[in-house]
């Protein structure tokens, strides 16, 4: 019985940990403001664009083929996300959202630095 409880607790902790690593937050934190929801959407879009870019890089490394056509749209998405973020940052009111927006902007800058 103790082993079963231990396994269940481990699975719960693992599921929450995976969610935090992949989505950047707790799964039960659903009551976000509109500002935070927009930031979460942009963060998710950024993660997807980064994944697409990295996938293109892996494909290039495996096959030796030029995958610029696959990487280009991903970089364009990152540029679009950055533009939306700059527009959103001008409208943000809460300090928490402003800090989150600045962290996201730093992530975008880091990605662009890594790519170029």
Protein backbone atom coordinates (compact mmCIF):
# COMPACT_ATOMS: atom_id res chain seq x y z
CA UNK A 1 0.00 0.00 0.00
CA UNK A 2 2.83 2.39 0.85
CA UNK A 3 4.49 1.61 -2.47
CA UNK A 4 1.27 2.40 -4.34
CA UNK A 5 0.92 5.76 -2.57
CA UNK A 6 4.57 6.52 -3.30
CA UNK A 7 4.13 5.71 -6.99
CA UNK A 8 1.00 7.86 -7.26
CA UNK A 9 2.71 10.80 -5.56
CA UNK A 10 5.72 10.40 -7.83
CA UNK A 11 3.50 10.43 -10.93
CA UNK A 12 1.71 13.57 -9.76
CA UNK A 13 4.99 15.38 -9.06
CA UNK A 14 6.39 14.23 -12.41
CA UNK A 15 3.29 15.43 -14.30
CA UNK A 16 3.41 18.86 -12.63
CA UNK A 17 7.16 19.09 -13.28
CA UNK A 18 6.76 18.25 -16.96
CA UNK A 19 4.00 20.83 -17.27
CA UNK A 20 6.14 23.51 -15.64
CA UNK A 21 9.05 22.73 -17.94
CA UNK A 22 6.99 22.62 -21.13
CA UNK A 23 4.44 25.35 -20.51
CA UNK A 24 6.12 27.47 -17.88
CA UNK A 25 3.43 27.25 -15.23
CA UNK A 26 1.28 25.14 -13.00
CA UNK A 27 -1.57 23.21 -14.64
CA UNK A 28 -4.15 24.35 -12.11
CA UNK A 29 -3.34 28.04 -12.51
CA UNK A 30 -6.19 28.87 -14.91
CA UNK A 31 -7.53 32.19 -13.61
CA UNK A 32 -5.17 34.44 -15.52
CA UNK A 33 -5.90 38.02 -16.50
CA UNK A 34 -6.32 38.91 -20.16
CA UNK A 35 -2.81 40.35 -20.18
CA UNK A 36 -1.33 37.15 -18.76
CA UNK A 37 -3.34 35.03 -21.20
CA UNK A 38 -1.97 37.05 -24.13
CA UNK A 39 1.55 36.65 -22.78
CA UNK A 40 1.03 32.90 -22.36
CA UNK A 41 -0.20 32.67 -25.95
CA UNK A 42 2.86 34.54 -27.20
CA UNK A 43 5.13 32.34 -25.07
CA UNK A 44 3.51 29.21 -26.52
CA UNK A 45 3.87 30.60 -30.04
CA UNK A 46 7.54 31.30 -29.36
CA UNK A 47 8.12 27.75 -28.10
CA UNK A 48 6.47 26.38 -31.23
CA UNK A 49 8.56 28.60 -33.52
CA UNK A 50 11.75 27.63 -31.69
CA UNK A 51 10.80 23.97 -32.09
CA UNK A 52 10.19 24.41 -35.81
CA UNK A 53 13.56 26.12 -36.24
CA UNK A 54 15.39 23.43 -34.30
CA UNK A 55 13.58 20.71 -36.25
CA UNK A 56 14.78 22.31 -39.49
CA UNK A 57 18.31 22.33 -38.09
CA UNK A 58 18.12 18.67 -37.15
CA UNK A 59 16.80 17.78 -40.59
CA UNK A 60 19.65 19.70 -42.17
CA UNK A 61 22.19 17.95 -39.97
CA UNK A 62 20.82 14.50 -40.72
CA UNK A 63 20.34 14.84 -44.45
CA UNK A 64 22.87 17.52 -45.32
CA UNK A 65 20.17 19.29 -47.33
CA UNK A 66 19.43 23.00 -47.26
CA UNK A 67 16.45 23.54 -44.95
CA UNK A 68 16.35 27.33 -45.21
CA UNK A 69 12.80 27.11 -46.54
CA UNK A 70 11.75 25.42 -43.31
CA UNK A 71 13.73 27.69 -40.99
CA UNK A 72 12.65 30.94 -42.65
CA UNK A 73 8.98 30.77 -41.63
CA UNK A 74 9.98 29.92 -38.05
CA UNK A 75 12.18 33.02 -37.88
CA UNK A 76 9.36 35.09 -39.40
CA UNK A 77 7.07 33.81 -36.62
CA UNK A 78 9.58 34.91 -34.01
CA UNK A 79 9.70 38.37 -35.59
CA UNK A 80 5.88 38.53 -35.58
CA UNK A 81 5.77 37.43 -31.94
CA UNK A 82 8.31 40.09 -31.00
CA UNK A 83 6.29 42.76 -32.80
CA UNK A 84 3.08 41.68 -31.01
CA UNK A 85 4.93 41.63 -27.70
CA UNK A 86 6.23 45.17 -28.17
CA UNK A 87 2.69 46.35 -28.94
CA UNK A 88 1.32 44.47 -25.93
CA UNK A 89 4.03 45.78 -23.57
CA UNK A 90 2.87 49.33 -24.27
CA UNK A 91 -0.65 48.42 -23.07
CA UNK A 92 0.22 46.36 -19.97
CA UNK A 93 -0.92 47.72 -16.63
CA UNK A 94 0.04 45.16 -14.00
CA UNK A 95 3.63 44.98 -12.79
CA UNK A 96 3.58 41.19 -12.89
CA UNK A 97 2.55 41.21 -16.54
CA UNK A 98 5.20 43.82 -17.35
CA UNK A 99 7.89 41.67 -15.73
CA UNK A 100 6.66 38.57 -17.56
CA UNK A 101 6.65 40.49 -20.84
CA UNK A 102 10.22 41.63 -20.25
CA UNK A 103 11.32 38.05 -19.51
CA UNK A 104 9.64 36.89 -22.71
CA UNK A 105 11.33 39.67 -24.67
CA UNK A 106 14.67 38.55 -23.20
CA UNK A 107 13.93 35.00 -24.37
CA UNK A 108 13.23 36.28 -27.88
CA UNK A 109 16.47 38.27 -27.89
CA UNK A 110 18.41 35.24 -26.64
CA UNK A 111 16.92 33.05 -29.37
CA UNK A 112 17.72 35.59 -32.06
CA UNK A 113 21.28 35.89 -30.76
CA UNK A 114 21.65 32.12 -30.77
CA UNK A 115 20.33 31.87 -34.33
CA UNK A 116 22.31 34.66 -35.89
